[in-house]
Amino acid sequence: MEASDHIITVLYMLASFGLVFGFQNKLPWPVSWLQSTHPLACLLQDWLGCAYCLGFWMGWVTGVAYWATLGFPIFKGGPVIMVLIGIAWALSSSVWCLLMDTILRRLEVEDDDE
């Protein structure tokens, strides 16, 4: 792997967190529907509130985008290896997003204390 590949990987992981942050803090959802007791609304509230969960799904999005950036290669080992790489990417994204979310929340608390 070249140095430019590592930079692209970091950029896509940052993109995962950017998507999570945007969905959690900037997406203009209909507030009245999200505050309803409809089961789908409750599930969506839980999903959007969890940086780890949302990071997993955004990892799939950025993983596919990264794969497209590489030119849709077929890895040695075929589809099984590709699925395992996708799962690893999604789990890495979820941990990264949780870590970044935790750091930002702590920084916000420190700003509020001053």
Protein backbone atom coordinates (compact mmCIF):
# COMPACT_ATOMS: atom_id res chain seq x y z
CA MET A 1 0.00 0.00 0.00
CA GLU A 2 1.33 3.41 -0.96
CA ALA A 3 1.28 6.51 1.23
CA SER A 4 -1.51 7.99 -0.90
CA ASP A 5 -3.66 4.91 -0.14
CA HIS A 6 -3.24 5.58 3.58
CA ILE A 7 -4.26 9.21 3.10
CA ILE A 8 -7.37 8.14 1.19
CA THR A 9 -8.22 5.67 3.96
CA VAL A 10 -7.97 8.42 6.59
CA LEU A 11 -10.11 10.73 4.47
CA TYR A 12 -12.84 8.10 4.14
CA MET A 13 -12.79 7.43 7.88
CA LEU A 14 -13.14 11.17 8.47
CA ALA A 15 -16.00 11.13 5.97
CA SER A 16 -17.69 8.41 8.04
CA PHE A 17 -17.58 10.64 11.09
CA GLY A 18 -18.69 13.65 9.04
CA LEU A 19 -21.76 11.72 7.90
CA VAL A 20 -22.51 10.58 11.46
CA PHE A 21 -22.13 14.11 12.83
CA GLY A 22 -24.33 15.48 10.06
CA PHE A 23 -27.07 12.92 10.62
CA GLN A 24 -26.98 13.42 14.40
CA ASN A 25 -26.71 17.20 14.54
CA LYS A 26 -27.55 18.86 11.25
CA LEU A 27 -30.22 16.81 9.49
CA PRO A 28 -33.56 18.66 9.51
CA TRP A 29 -35.94 15.86 10.49
CA PRO A 30 -39.59 16.64 11.11
CA VAL A 31 -39.40 17.16 14.85
CA SER A 32 -43.03 16.29 15.54
CA TRP A 33 -42.70 12.91 13.82
CA LEU A 34 -39.43 12.05 15.56
CA GLN A 35 -40.98 12.90 18.92
CA SER A 36 -43.94 10.63 18.30
CA THR A 37 -44.35 7.20 19.88
CA HIS A 38 -44.55 5.44 16.53
CA PRO A 39 -42.27 2.34 16.71
CA LEU A 40 -40.34 3.39 13.60
CA ALA A 41 -39.79 6.87 15.04
CA CYS A 42 -38.49 5.36 18.30
CA LEU A 43 -36.12 3.09 16.38
CA LEU A 44 -34.87 6.01 14.32
CA GLN A 45 -34.33 8.12 17.46
CA ASP A 46 -32.23 5.34 19.00
CA TRP A 47 -30.30 4.79 15.78
CA LEU A 48 -29.53 8.46 15.20
CA GLY A 49 -28.52 8.94 18.83
CA CYS A 50 -25.87 6.20 18.79
CA ALA A 51 -22.57 7.20 17.17
CA TYR A 52 -21.41 3.57 17.23
CA CYS A 53 -24.53 2.25 15.45
CA LEU A 54 -24.71 5.03 12.90
CA GLY A 55 -20.94 4.81 12.38
CA PHE A 56 -21.34 1.15 11.43
CA TRP A 57 -23.84 1.95 8.68
CA MET A 58 -21.91 5.00 7.47
CA GLY A 59 -18.88 2.70 7.36
CA TRP A 60 -20.68 0.58 4.77
CA VAL A 61 -21.42 3.73 2.75
CA THR A 62 -17.83 4.99 2.86
CA GLY A 63 -16.46 1.47 2.40
CA VAL A 64 -18.32 1.11 -0.89
CA ALA A 65 -17.15 4.59 -1.92
CA TYR A 66 -13.57 3.64 -1.06
CA TRP A 67 -13.89 0.41 -3.03
CA ALA A 68 -15.18 2.46 -5.99
CA THR A 69 -12.20 4.80 -5.62
CA LEU A 70 -9.90 1.79 -5.95
CA GLY A 71 -11.67 0.84 -9.20
CA PHE A 72 -13.93 -1.95 -7.88
CA PRO A 73 -11.14 -4.50 -7.48
CA ILE A 74 -11.85 -8.19 -6.91
CA PHE A 75 -9.66 -9.24 -3.99
CA LYS A 76 -7.91 -12.60 -3.76
CA GLY A 77 -10.31 -14.97 -2.10
CA GLY A 78 -13.33 -13.61 -3.95
CA PRO A 79 -16.63 -12.51 -2.42
CA VAL A 80 -15.92 -13.93 1.04
CA ILE A 81 -12.83 -11.75 1.46
CA MET A 82 -14.71 -8.75 0.10
CA VAL A 83 -17.50 -9.20 2.66
CA LEU A 84 -14.97 -9.64 5.47
CA ILE A 85 -13.19 -6.45 4.40
CA GLY A 86 -16.55 -4.66 4.33
CA ILE A 87 -17.38 -5.85 7.85
CA ALA A 88 -13.94 -4.83 9.10
CA TRP A 89 -14.34 -1.40 7.49
CA ALA A 90 -17.81 -0.92 9.02
CA LEU A 91 -16.64 -1.97 12.49
CA SER A 92 -13.57 0.26 12.23
CA SER A 93 -15.81 3.13 11.23
CA SER A 94 -18.15 2.50 14.18
CA VAL A 95 -15.28 2.56 16.68
CA TRP A 96 -13.76 5.64 15.03
CA CYS A 97 -17.10 7.48 15.10
CA LEU A 98 -17.72 6.57 18.74
CA LEU A 99 -14.23 7.75 19.68
CA MET A 100 -14.58 11.05 17.82
CA ASP A 101 -18.09 11.63 19.21
CA THR A 102 -16.84 11.01 22.76
CA ILE A 103 -13.92 13.41 22.29
CA LEU A 104 -16.17 16.15 20.88
CA ARG A 105 -18.71 15.75 23.68
CA ARG A 106 -15.97 16.04 26.32
CA LEU A 107 -14.58 19.14 24.61
CA GLU A 108 -18.08 20.67 24.61
CA VAL A 109 -18.47 19.97 28.34
CA GLU A 110 -15.09 21.60 29.04
CA ASP A 111 -16.15 24.67 27.02
CA ASP A 112 -19.40 24.90 28.99
CA ASP A 113 -17.51 24.74 32.31
CA GLU A 114 -15.40 27.80 31.48
